[in-house]
């Protein structure tokens, strides 16, 4: 199901982008970026206990295709990695393993340039969906893929018409698939996974 959703988003973005490029002088931009990922809890237990990933490095890239001067479709791929910790009240978190997460998603972006600025600043918001694949190592290795909704916001700071700085914050909202990872039939609460990044935006 996750693969179908991701493939459908990719196909839709490609079709829309291709149609727009055929009809207008749409621009394509690529933004490699780096930043910091703050993961939500995998599982929340009783009395404030939890199993979660600590914060860690984030690397990714985003491709955008402008449909109009203010609307674009974007595709995003990113990877975050961090330690897995067990949280116990009144005790420091205990590191028990390592987690690497791949994020794949597509989104609709709406932007609005700020007028009358010496430096071109264009705030934007993004709304989309995709998948997050966790590769978990706690002694043995396992993995799980879950659906995520994505909400993003940020700003582009233009140096020239083709090169600029993109500052971005994104929230990947989803549930860790405990059943796929452990075969235990348990559905955790929704988790918010925040990515904060800066990257070089290159437009063509």
N, C-alpha and C. Protein backbone atom coordinates (compact mmCIF):
# COMPACT_ATOMS: atom_id res chain seq x y z
N UNK A 1 0.83 -1.20 0.00
CA UNK A 1 0.00 0.00 0.00
C UNK A 1 0.87 1.26 0.00
N UNK A 2 1.94 1.25 0.84
CA UNK A 2 2.82 2.40 0.90
C UNK A 2 3.47 2.65 -0.44
N UNK A 3 3.94 1.55 -1.08
CA UNK A 3 4.59 1.70 -2.38
C UNK A 3 3.64 2.27 -3.41
N UNK A 4 2.36 1.81 -3.39
CA UNK A 4 1.38 2.33 -4.35
C UNK A 4 1.17 3.82 -4.16
N UNK A 5 1.09 4.26 -2.88
CA UNK A 5 0.88 5.67 -2.60
C UNK A 5 2.05 6.50 -3.11
N UNK A 6 3.28 6.05 -2.81
CA UNK A 6 4.47 6.79 -3.23
C UNK A 6 4.57 6.85 -4.74
N UNK A 7 4.33 5.68 -5.42
CA UNK A 7 4.40 5.66 -6.88
C UNK A 7 3.32 6.54 -7.49
N UNK A 8 2.13 6.55 -6.90
CA UNK A 8 1.05 7.39 -7.41
C UNK A 8 1.39 8.86 -7.29
N UNK A 9 1.97 9.25 -6.13
CA UNK A 9 2.38 10.64 -5.96
C UNK A 9 3.44 11.03 -6.97
N UNK A 10 4.41 10.16 -7.16
CA UNK A 10 5.49 10.45 -8.12
C UNK A 10 4.94 10.57 -9.54
N UNK A 11 4.03 9.64 -9.92
CA UNK A 11 3.47 9.69 -11.26
C UNK A 11 2.62 10.94 -11.47
N UNK A 12 1.83 11.31 -10.46
CA UNK A 12 1.00 12.50 -10.56
C UNK A 12 1.86 13.75 -10.70
N UNK A 13 2.91 13.83 -9.85
CA UNK A 13 3.81 14.99 -9.93
C UNK A 13 4.47 15.08 -11.29
N UNK A 14 4.89 13.93 -11.83
CA UNK A 14 5.55 13.92 -13.13
C UNK A 14 4.59 14.36 -14.23
N UNK A 15 3.34 13.87 -14.19
CA UNK A 15 2.36 14.22 -15.21
C UNK A 15 2.01 15.70 -15.15
N UNK A 16 1.77 16.20 -13.92
CA UNK A 16 1.43 17.61 -13.77
C UNK A 16 2.59 18.48 -14.21
N UNK A 17 3.81 18.10 -13.74
CA UNK A 17 4.99 18.88 -14.10
C UNK A 17 5.23 18.87 -15.59
N UNK A 18 5.07 17.69 -16.23
CA UNK A 18 5.28 17.60 -17.67
C UNK A 18 4.29 18.43 -18.44
N UNK A 19 3.02 18.40 -18.01
CA UNK A 19 1.99 19.18 -18.67
C UNK A 19 2.28 20.67 -18.55
N UNK A 20 2.68 21.09 -17.34
CA UNK A 20 2.95 22.51 -17.12
C UNK A 20 4.13 22.98 -17.96
N UNK A 21 5.17 22.14 -18.05
CA UNK A 21 6.35 22.51 -18.83
C UNK A 21 6.03 22.62 -20.31
N UNK A 22 5.08 21.79 -20.78
CA UNK A 22 4.71 21.83 -22.18
C UNK A 22 3.92 23.09 -22.52
N UNK A 23 3.16 23.61 -21.52
CA UNK A 23 2.28 24.74 -21.79
C UNK A 23 2.88 26.09 -21.42
N UNK A 24 3.84 26.11 -20.48
CA UNK A 24 4.40 27.36 -20.02
C UNK A 24 5.91 27.23 -19.94
N UNK A 25 6.55 28.33 -19.60
CA UNK A 25 8.00 28.32 -19.41
C UNK A 25 8.33 28.01 -17.95
N UNK A 26 7.78 26.93 -17.43
CA UNK A 26 7.99 26.56 -16.03
C UNK A 26 9.46 26.33 -15.75
N UNK A 27 9.87 26.65 -14.52
CA UNK A 27 11.24 26.47 -14.12
C UNK A 27 11.36 25.25 -13.21
N UNK A 28 12.50 24.62 -13.29
CA UNK A 28 12.82 23.49 -12.43
C UNK A 28 13.91 23.93 -11.48
N UNK A 29 13.80 23.52 -10.21
CA UNK A 29 14.85 23.83 -9.25
C UNK A 29 15.23 22.59 -8.46
N UNK A 30 16.48 22.53 -8.05
CA UNK A 30 17.02 21.44 -7.25
C UNK A 30 17.66 22.03 -6.01
N UNK A 31 17.36 21.43 -4.84
CA UNK A 31 17.91 21.93 -3.59
C UNK A 31 18.49 20.80 -2.76
N UNK A 32 19.81 20.57 -2.81
CA UNK A 32 20.43 19.67 -1.84
C UNK A 32 20.51 20.40 -0.49
N UNK A 33 20.27 19.68 0.60
CA UNK A 33 20.24 20.36 1.89
C UNK A 33 20.77 19.46 3.01
N UNK A 34 21.09 20.09 4.12
CA UNK A 34 21.54 19.40 5.32
C UNK A 34 20.91 20.07 6.53
N UNK A 35 20.77 19.30 7.61
CA UNK A 35 20.16 19.88 8.79
C UNK A 35 20.11 18.91 9.95
N UNK A 36 19.04 19.04 10.73
CA UNK A 36 18.90 18.27 11.97
C UNK A 36 17.49 17.69 12.04
N UNK A 37 17.40 16.42 12.44
CA UNK A 37 16.11 15.72 12.52
C UNK A 37 15.77 15.43 13.97
N UNK A 38 14.55 15.75 14.37
CA UNK A 38 14.06 15.43 15.71
C UNK A 38 12.93 14.42 15.56
N UNK A 39 13.18 13.18 15.96
CA UNK A 39 12.20 12.11 15.78
C UNK A 39 11.21 12.08 16.94
N UNK A 40 9.97 11.67 16.61
CA UNK A 40 8.98 11.41 17.65
C UNK A 40 9.17 10.02 18.24
N UNK A 41 8.39 9.70 19.25
CA UNK A 41 8.52 8.41 19.93
C UNK A 41 7.96 7.28 19.06
N UNK A 42 8.68 6.15 18.99
CA UNK A 42 8.15 4.96 18.34
C UNK A 42 6.95 4.44 19.14
N UNK A 43 7.17 4.27 20.44
CA UNK A 43 6.17 3.70 21.33
C UNK A 43 6.17 4.47 22.64
N UNK A 44 4.98 4.82 23.13
CA UNK A 44 4.84 5.44 24.45
C UNK A 44 4.21 4.43 25.40
N UNK A 45 4.91 4.12 26.49
CA UNK A 45 4.42 3.14 27.46
C UNK A 45 3.81 3.81 28.67
N UNK A 46 3.49 3.02 29.69
CA UNK A 46 2.88 3.56 30.90
C UNK A 46 3.88 4.34 31.75
N UNK A 47 3.35 5.25 32.57
CA UNK A 47 4.16 6.00 33.55
C UNK A 47 5.25 6.85 32.89
N UNK A 48 4.98 7.32 31.66
CA UNK A 48 5.91 8.21 31.00
C UNK A 48 7.09 7.54 30.32
N UNK A 49 7.08 6.23 30.20
CA UNK A 49 8.16 5.53 29.50
C UNK A 49 7.96 5.64 27.99
N UNK A 50 9.05 5.49 27.24
CA UNK A 50 8.95 5.59 25.79
C UNK A 50 10.19 4.98 25.14
N UNK A 51 10.02 4.60 23.87
CA UNK A 51 11.14 4.20 23.02
C UNK A 51 11.14 5.14 21.83
N UNK A 52 12.25 5.80 21.59
CA UNK A 52 12.28 6.80 20.53
C UNK A 52 13.69 6.95 19.98
N UNK A 53 13.80 7.74 18.91
CA UNK A 53 15.10 8.09 18.35
C UNK A 53 15.50 9.47 18.84
N UNK A 54 16.76 9.60 19.22
CA UNK A 54 17.28 10.91 19.58
C UNK A 54 17.42 11.76 18.32
N UNK A 55 17.72 13.04 18.49
CA UNK A 55 17.96 13.89 17.33
C UNK A 55 19.23 13.50 16.62
N UNK A 56 19.30 13.78 15.33
CA UNK A 56 20.49 13.42 14.57
C UNK A 56 20.58 14.16 13.25
N UNK A 57 21.62 13.85 12.50
CA UNK A 57 21.90 14.53 11.24
C UNK A 57 20.84 14.23 10.19
N UNK A 58 20.59 15.19 9.30
CA UNK A 58 19.62 15.06 8.22
C UNK A 58 20.28 15.50 6.92
N UNK A 59 20.17 14.67 5.89
CA UNK A 59 20.65 15.01 4.55
C UNK A 59 19.54 14.72 3.55
N UNK A 60 19.40 15.57 2.54
CA UNK A 60 18.34 15.32 1.57
C UNK A 60 18.46 16.19 0.34
N UNK A 61 17.49 16.03 -0.54
CA UNK A 61 17.42 16.84 -1.75
C UNK A 61 15.96 16.99 -2.15
N UNK A 62 15.65 18.12 -2.73
CA UNK A 62 14.28 18.41 -3.14
C UNK A 62 14.28 18.90 -4.58
N UNK A 63 13.34 18.38 -5.36
CA UNK A 63 13.16 18.79 -6.75
C UNK A 63 11.82 19.51 -6.87
N UNK A 64 11.82 20.67 -7.48
CA UNK A 64 10.60 21.44 -7.64
C UNK A 64 10.33 21.77 -9.10
N UNK A 65 9.06 21.73 -9.49
CA UNK A 65 8.63 22.13 -10.84
C UNK A 65 7.54 23.18 -10.69
N UNK A 66 7.81 24.40 -11.16
CA UNK A 66 6.85 25.50 -11.03
C UNK A 66 5.70 25.32 -12.02
N UNK A 67 4.47 25.40 -11.50
CA UNK A 67 3.28 25.37 -12.36
C UNK A 67 2.85 26.78 -12.72
N UNK A 68 2.94 27.69 -11.73
CA UNK A 68 2.71 29.11 -11.95
C UNK A 68 3.80 29.84 -11.17
N UNK A 69 3.72 31.17 -11.11
CA UNK A 69 4.72 31.93 -10.37
C UNK A 69 4.64 31.68 -8.87
N UNK A 70 3.49 31.17 -8.38
CA UNK A 70 3.31 30.96 -6.94
C UNK A 70 3.03 29.52 -6.54
N UNK A 71 2.85 28.63 -7.49
CA UNK A 71 2.49 27.24 -7.17
C UNK A 71 3.47 26.29 -7.85
N UNK A 72 3.90 25.27 -7.09
CA UNK A 72 4.83 24.28 -7.63
C UNK A 72 4.52 22.92 -7.04
N UNK A 73 4.96 21.86 -7.73
CA UNK A 73 4.95 20.52 -7.15
C UNK A 73 6.40 20.18 -6.81
N UNK A 74 6.59 19.52 -5.68
CA UNK A 74 7.95 19.19 -5.24
C UNK A 74 8.02 17.71 -4.87
N UNK A 75 9.17 17.12 -5.11
CA UNK A 75 9.47 15.77 -4.68
C UNK A 75 10.66 15.82 -3.75
N UNK A 76 10.62 15.04 -2.68
CA UNK A 76 11.64 15.13 -1.66
C UNK A 76 12.14 13.75 -1.26
N UNK A 77 13.45 13.62 -1.07
CA UNK A 77 14.03 12.42 -0.50
C UNK A 77 15.05 12.85 0.54
N UNK A 78 15.04 12.21 1.71
CA UNK A 78 15.94 12.60 2.78
C UNK A 78 16.27 11.39 3.65
N UNK A 79 17.37 11.50 4.38
CA UNK A 79 17.78 10.44 5.29
C UNK A 79 18.23 11.06 6.61
N UNK A 80 17.68 10.53 7.70
CA UNK A 80 18.09 10.96 9.03
C UNK A 80 18.55 9.76 9.83
N UNK A 81 19.51 9.96 10.71
CA UNK A 81 20.01 8.85 11.52
C UNK A 81 20.27 9.33 12.94
N UNK A 82 20.07 8.41 13.90
CA UNK A 82 20.25 8.79 15.30
C UNK A 82 20.27 7.54 16.17
N UNK A 83 20.57 7.73 17.46
CA UNK A 83 20.52 6.64 18.42
C UNK A 83 19.08 6.36 18.83
N UNK A 84 18.80 5.11 19.17
CA UNK A 84 17.51 4.73 19.74
C UNK A 84 17.65 4.74 21.26
N UNK A 85 16.74 5.40 21.93
CA UNK A 85 16.83 5.53 23.38
C UNK A 85 15.55 5.05 24.06
N UNK A 86 15.71 4.58 25.27
CA UNK A 86 14.58 4.23 26.13
C UNK A 86 14.46 5.31 27.19
N UNK A 87 13.30 5.94 27.24
CA UNK A 87 13.08 7.00 28.22
C UNK A 87 12.35 6.49 29.46
N UNK A 88 12.94 6.78 30.60
CA UNK A 88 12.35 6.38 31.89
C UNK A 88 12.32 7.62 32.77
N UNK A 89 11.17 7.95 33.37
CA UNK A 89 11.08 9.15 34.21
C UNK A 89 12.13 9.19 35.31
N UNK A 90 12.71 10.37 35.51
CA UNK A 90 13.69 10.64 36.57
C UNK A 90 15.04 9.95 36.33
N UNK A 91 15.21 9.33 35.16
CA UNK A 91 16.48 8.67 34.82
C UNK A 91 16.89 9.13 33.43
N UNK A 92 18.19 9.34 33.21
CA UNK A 92 18.66 9.73 31.88
C UNK A 92 18.28 8.66 30.86
N UNK A 93 18.01 9.11 29.63
CA UNK A 93 17.67 8.18 28.55
C UNK A 93 18.80 7.17 28.34
N UNK A 94 18.42 5.93 28.06
CA UNK A 94 19.38 4.85 27.86
C UNK A 94 19.45 4.53 26.37
N UNK A 95 20.66 4.57 25.80
CA UNK A 95 20.85 4.25 24.38
C UNK A 95 20.90 2.74 24.20
N UNK A 96 20.03 2.22 23.30
CA UNK A 96 19.95 0.77 23.13
C UNK A 96 20.20 0.33 21.69
N UNK A 97 20.33 1.27 20.76
CA UNK A 97 20.53 0.87 19.36
C UNK A 97 20.67 2.06 18.45
N UNK A 98 20.44 1.82 17.18
CA UNK A 98 20.63 2.84 16.14
C UNK A 98 19.48 2.78 15.15
N UNK A 99 19.06 3.94 14.68
CA UNK A 99 17.98 4.02 13.70
C UNK A 99 18.40 4.89 12.52
N UNK A 100 18.12 4.40 11.31
CA UNK A 100 18.28 5.21 10.10
C UNK A 100 16.91 5.27 9.42
N UNK A 101 16.49 6.45 9.02
CA UNK A 101 15.17 6.61 8.42
C UNK A 101 15.29 7.31 7.07
N UNK A 102 14.65 6.71 6.07
CA UNK A 102 14.53 7.32 4.74
C UNK A 102 13.14 7.90 4.60
N UNK A 103 13.04 9.13 4.09
CA UNK A 103 11.76 9.78 3.85
C UNK A 103 11.61 10.07 2.36
N UNK A 104 10.46 9.68 1.80
CA UNK A 104 10.14 9.92 0.40
C UNK A 104 8.75 10.55 0.34
N UNK A 105 8.62 11.69 -0.31
CA UNK A 105 7.29 12.30 -0.37
C UNK A 105 7.17 13.26 -1.53
N UNK A 106 5.92 13.56 -1.87
CA UNK A 106 5.60 14.58 -2.86
C UNK A 106 4.66 15.59 -2.22
N UNK A 107 4.72 16.85 -2.67
CA UNK A 107 3.91 17.88 -2.02
C UNK A 107 3.57 18.99 -3.01
N UNK A 108 2.53 19.73 -2.66
CA UNK A 108 2.16 20.94 -3.37
C UNK A 108 2.71 22.12 -2.59
N UNK A 109 3.38 23.02 -3.27
CA UNK A 109 3.99 24.18 -2.62
C UNK A 109 3.33 25.47 -3.09
N UNK A 110 3.01 26.33 -2.14
CA UNK A 110 2.47 27.66 -2.44
C UNK A 110 3.43 28.69 -1.85
N UNK A 111 3.88 29.63 -2.68
CA UNK A 111 4.84 30.65 -2.23
C UNK A 111 4.31 32.05 -2.52
N UNK A 112 4.86 33.02 -1.81
CA UNK A 112 4.43 34.40 -1.99
C UNK A 112 5.61 35.33 -1.74
N UNK A 113 6.23 35.88 -2.78
CA UNK A 113 7.37 36.79 -2.60
C UNK A 113 7.00 38.02 -1.79
N UNK A 114 7.92 38.45 -0.94
CA UNK A 114 7.70 39.68 -0.18
C UNK A 114 8.09 40.87 -1.07
N UNK A 115 7.22 41.86 -1.17
CA UNK A 115 7.50 42.99 -2.07
C UNK A 115 8.49 43.98 -1.47
N UNK A 116 9.09 44.77 -2.37
CA UNK A 116 9.92 45.91 -1.98
C UNK A 116 11.01 45.53 -1.00
N UNK A 117 11.82 44.51 -1.38
CA UNK A 117 12.94 44.08 -0.55
C UNK A 117 14.24 44.22 -1.34
N UNK A 118 15.30 44.68 -0.65
CA UNK A 118 16.60 44.76 -1.32
C UNK A 118 17.10 43.36 -1.68
N UNK A 119 16.78 42.37 -0.81
CA UNK A 119 17.11 40.97 -1.07
C UNK A 119 15.80 40.22 -1.30
N UNK A 120 15.74 39.41 -2.36
CA UNK A 120 14.50 38.69 -2.68
C UNK A 120 14.25 37.60 -1.63
N UNK A 121 13.13 37.72 -0.92
CA UNK A 121 12.73 36.74 0.09
C UNK A 121 11.35 36.21 -0.27
N UNK A 122 11.24 34.89 -0.38
CA UNK A 122 9.97 34.27 -0.79
C UNK A 122 9.57 33.20 0.22
N UNK A 123 8.65 33.50 1.15
CA UNK A 123 8.15 32.47 2.06
C UNK A 123 7.30 31.45 1.30
N UNK A 124 7.22 30.22 1.81
CA UNK A 124 6.41 29.19 1.18
C UNK A 124 5.89 28.22 2.21
N UNK A 125 4.84 27.50 1.83
CA UNK A 125 4.31 26.39 2.62
C UNK A 125 4.15 25.19 1.71
N UNK A 126 4.25 23.98 2.29
CA UNK A 126 4.12 22.74 1.53
C UNK A 126 3.18 21.80 2.26
N UNK A 127 2.40 21.06 1.49
CA UNK A 127 1.49 20.06 2.05
C UNK A 127 1.53 18.83 1.15
N UNK A 128 1.82 17.66 1.71
CA UNK A 128 1.93 16.47 0.89
C UNK A 128 1.84 15.18 1.68
N UNK A 129 2.34 14.10 1.09
CA UNK A 129 2.28 12.78 1.71
C UNK A 129 3.37 11.91 1.11
N UNK A 130 3.69 10.84 1.82
CA UNK A 130 4.72 9.93 1.34
C UNK A 130 4.93 8.78 2.30
N UNK A 131 6.17 8.36 2.45
CA UNK A 131 6.49 7.21 3.29
C UNK A 131 7.78 7.45 4.04
N UNK A 132 7.89 6.81 5.21
CA UNK A 132 9.11 6.84 6.01
C UNK A 132 9.52 5.39 6.29
N UNK A 133 10.74 5.06 5.92
CA UNK A 133 11.24 3.70 6.12
C UNK A 133 12.33 3.71 7.19
N UNK A 134 12.07 3.01 8.29
CA UNK A 134 13.03 2.92 9.39
C UNK A 134 13.85 1.64 9.27
N UNK A 135 15.16 1.77 9.47
CA UNK A 135 16.06 0.63 9.56
C UNK A 135 16.60 0.62 10.99
N UNK A 136 16.08 -0.29 11.80
CA UNK A 136 16.33 -0.30 13.24
C UNK A 136 17.33 -1.39 13.59
N UNK A 137 18.31 -1.04 14.42
CA UNK A 137 19.30 -2.01 14.88
C UNK A 137 19.36 -1.97 16.40
N UNK A 138 18.76 -2.97 17.02
CA UNK A 138 18.85 -3.17 18.47
C UNK A 138 19.30 -4.61 18.66
N UNK A 139 20.61 -4.83 18.62
CA UNK A 139 21.11 -6.19 18.59
C UNK A 139 20.94 -6.76 17.19
N UNK A 140 19.72 -7.21 16.86
CA UNK A 140 19.39 -7.65 15.52
C UNK A 140 18.86 -6.47 14.71
N UNK A 141 18.81 -6.63 13.39
CA UNK A 141 18.32 -5.57 12.52
C UNK A 141 16.91 -5.87 12.06
N UNK A 142 16.08 -4.84 11.96
CA UNK A 142 14.73 -4.98 11.43
C UNK A 142 14.38 -3.67 10.73
N UNK A 143 13.29 -3.68 9.99
CA UNK A 143 12.88 -2.45 9.33
C UNK A 143 11.36 -2.38 9.27
N UNK A 144 10.86 -1.18 9.04
CA UNK A 144 9.42 -0.95 8.95
C UNK A 144 9.17 0.28 8.11
N UNK A 145 8.11 0.26 7.30
CA UNK A 145 7.74 1.39 6.46
C UNK A 145 6.34 1.84 6.81
N UNK A 146 6.16 3.13 7.02
CA UNK A 146 4.84 3.65 7.36
C UNK A 146 4.51 4.89 6.53
N UNK A 147 3.23 5.11 6.34
CA UNK A 147 2.72 6.28 5.63
C UNK A 147 2.94 7.52 6.50
N UNK A 148 3.25 8.65 5.86
CA UNK A 148 3.36 9.93 6.56
C UNK A 148 2.67 11.03 5.77
N UNK A 149 2.06 11.94 6.49
CA UNK A 149 1.62 13.20 5.91
C UNK A 149 2.71 14.23 6.19
N UNK A 150 2.92 15.16 5.28
CA UNK A 150 3.98 16.15 5.46
C UNK A 150 3.44 17.57 5.42
N UNK A 151 3.97 18.39 6.33
CA UNK A 151 3.66 19.81 6.38
C UNK A 151 4.99 20.55 6.45
N UNK A 152 5.20 21.49 5.56
CA UNK A 152 6.46 22.21 5.54
C UNK A 152 6.26 23.71 5.41
N UNK A 153 7.26 24.45 5.85
CA UNK A 153 7.25 25.91 5.70
C UNK A 153 8.69 26.39 5.68
N UNK A 154 8.89 27.52 5.04
CA UNK A 154 10.25 28.05 4.99
C UNK A 154 10.31 29.30 4.13
N UNK A 155 11.51 29.60 3.68
CA UNK A 155 11.70 30.79 2.85
C UNK A 155 12.91 30.60 1.94
N UNK A 156 12.79 31.14 0.73
CA UNK A 156 13.90 31.18 -0.21
C UNK A 156 14.49 32.59 -0.20
N UNK A 157 15.81 32.66 -0.07
CA UNK A 157 16.51 33.94 -0.09
C UNK A 157 17.36 33.97 -1.36
N UNK A 158 16.99 34.82 -2.29
CA UNK A 158 17.64 34.82 -3.60
C UNK A 158 18.93 35.62 -3.64
N UNK A 159 20.00 34.99 -4.14
CA UNK A 159 21.25 35.69 -4.39
C UNK A 159 21.28 36.20 -5.83
N UNK A 160 20.85 35.36 -6.76
CA UNK A 160 20.66 35.73 -8.16
C UNK A 160 19.33 35.11 -8.60
N UNK A 161 18.97 35.24 -9.87
CA UNK A 161 17.74 34.62 -10.36
C UNK A 161 17.82 33.09 -10.34
N UNK A 162 19.03 32.55 -10.35
CA UNK A 162 19.19 31.10 -10.44
C UNK A 162 19.70 30.44 -9.17
N UNK A 163 20.25 31.21 -8.24
CA UNK A 163 20.85 30.63 -7.04
C UNK A 163 20.34 31.33 -5.80
N UNK A 164 20.03 30.53 -4.79
CA UNK A 164 19.55 31.10 -3.54
C UNK A 164 19.71 30.14 -2.38
N UNK A 165 19.35 30.60 -1.20
CA UNK A 165 19.40 29.81 0.02
C UNK A 165 17.97 29.42 0.40
N UNK A 166 17.75 28.14 0.64
CA UNK A 166 16.43 27.68 1.09
C UNK A 166 16.52 27.26 2.55
N UNK A 167 15.72 27.90 3.41
CA UNK A 167 15.57 27.54 4.82
C UNK A 167 14.22 26.86 4.97
N UNK A 168 14.20 25.70 5.63
CA UNK A 168 12.97 24.90 5.62
C UNK A 168 12.81 24.12 6.92
N UNK A 169 11.55 24.00 7.35
CA UNK A 169 11.18 23.13 8.46
C UNK A 169 10.04 22.24 7.98
N UNK A 170 10.13 20.93 8.26
CA UNK A 170 9.09 20.00 7.80
C UNK A 170 8.69 19.09 8.95
N UNK A 171 7.41 18.73 8.98
CA UNK A 171 6.88 17.80 9.96
C UNK A 171 6.37 16.57 9.22
N UNK A 172 6.95 15.41 9.53
CA UNK A 172 6.50 14.13 8.98
C UNK A 172 5.61 13.48 10.04
N UNK A 173 4.31 13.39 9.76
CA UNK A 173 3.36 12.90 10.75
C UNK A 173 2.93 11.48 10.39
N UNK A 174 3.18 10.53 11.28
CA UNK A 174 2.82 9.14 10.98
C UNK A 174 2.98 8.25 12.20
N UNK A 175 2.61 6.98 12.02
CA UNK A 175 2.75 5.97 13.07
C UNK A 175 3.81 4.95 12.69
N UNK A 176 4.75 4.68 13.58
CA UNK A 176 5.73 3.63 13.36
C UNK A 176 5.00 2.29 13.27
N UNK A 177 5.33 1.49 12.25
CA UNK A 177 4.64 0.22 12.03
C UNK A 177 5.26 -0.86 12.91
N UNK A 178 4.76 -0.97 14.14
CA UNK A 178 5.29 -1.93 15.10
C UNK A 178 5.09 -3.36 14.62
N UNK A 179 3.96 -3.61 13.98
CA UNK A 179 3.67 -4.98 13.53
C UNK A 179 4.67 -5.44 12.48
N UNK A 180 5.01 -4.58 11.53
CA UNK A 180 5.97 -4.97 10.50
C UNK A 180 7.36 -5.19 11.10
N UNK A 181 7.71 -4.36 12.09
CA UNK A 181 9.05 -4.44 12.68
C UNK A 181 9.20 -5.60 13.64
N UNK A 182 8.13 -5.94 14.38
CA UNK A 182 8.27 -6.93 15.47
C UNK A 182 7.26 -8.07 15.42
N UNK A 183 6.26 -8.02 14.51
CA UNK A 183 5.13 -8.95 14.41
C UNK A 183 4.15 -8.81 15.58
N UNK A 184 4.36 -7.85 16.47
CA UNK A 184 3.42 -7.59 17.57
C UNK A 184 2.29 -6.71 17.06
N UNK A 185 1.05 -7.11 17.30
CA UNK A 185 -0.11 -6.37 16.80
C UNK A 185 -0.41 -5.20 17.74
N UNK A 186 0.30 -4.09 17.50
CA UNK A 186 0.15 -2.90 18.35
C UNK A 186 0.21 -1.66 17.48
N UNK A 187 -0.72 -0.73 17.68
CA UNK A 187 -0.73 0.51 16.92
C UNK A 187 -0.37 1.67 17.84
N UNK A 188 0.80 2.29 17.66
CA UNK A 188 1.19 3.42 18.52
C UNK A 188 0.46 4.70 18.15
N UNK A 189 0.68 5.72 18.95
CA UNK A 189 0.10 7.02 18.68
C UNK A 189 0.80 7.67 17.49
N UNK A 190 0.14 8.67 16.90
CA UNK A 190 0.77 9.46 15.85
C UNK A 190 2.01 10.16 16.40
N UNK A 191 3.07 10.17 15.62
CA UNK A 191 4.31 10.83 16.03
C UNK A 191 4.64 11.96 15.06
N UNK A 192 5.20 13.02 15.59
CA UNK A 192 5.66 14.15 14.78
C UNK A 192 7.18 14.08 14.69
N UNK A 193 7.70 14.04 13.45
CA UNK A 193 9.14 13.97 13.21
C UNK A 193 9.54 15.24 12.46
N UNK A 194 10.32 16.09 13.14
CA UNK A 194 10.62 17.41 12.59
C UNK A 194 12.01 17.45 11.97
N UNK A 195 12.07 17.99 10.75
CA UNK A 195 13.35 18.20 10.07
C UNK A 195 13.59 19.68 9.85
N UNK A 196 14.76 20.16 10.26
CA UNK A 196 15.13 21.57 10.09
C UNK A 196 16.38 21.61 9.21
N UNK A 197 16.34 22.39 8.13
CA UNK A 197 17.44 22.31 7.17
C UNK A 197 17.70 23.63 6.47
N UNK A 198 18.88 23.68 5.86
CA UNK A 198 19.26 24.77 4.98
C UNK A 198 19.94 24.18 3.76
N UNK A 199 19.67 24.72 2.58
CA UNK A 199 20.24 24.17 1.38
C UNK A 199 20.44 25.20 0.29
N UNK A 200 21.19 24.83 -0.72
CA UNK A 200 21.44 25.70 -1.87
C UNK A 200 20.44 25.39 -2.96
N UNK A 201 19.57 26.35 -3.27
CA UNK A 201 18.56 26.18 -4.31
C UNK A 201 19.11 26.64 -5.65
N UNK A 202 19.07 25.75 -6.63
CA UNK A 202 19.58 26.04 -7.97
C UNK A 202 18.44 25.91 -8.97
N UNK A 203 18.09 26.98 -9.66
CA UNK A 203 16.98 26.97 -10.61
C UNK A 203 17.52 26.92 -12.04
N UNK A 204 16.76 26.23 -12.90
CA UNK A 204 17.15 26.08 -14.31
C UNK A 204 16.07 26.67 -15.22
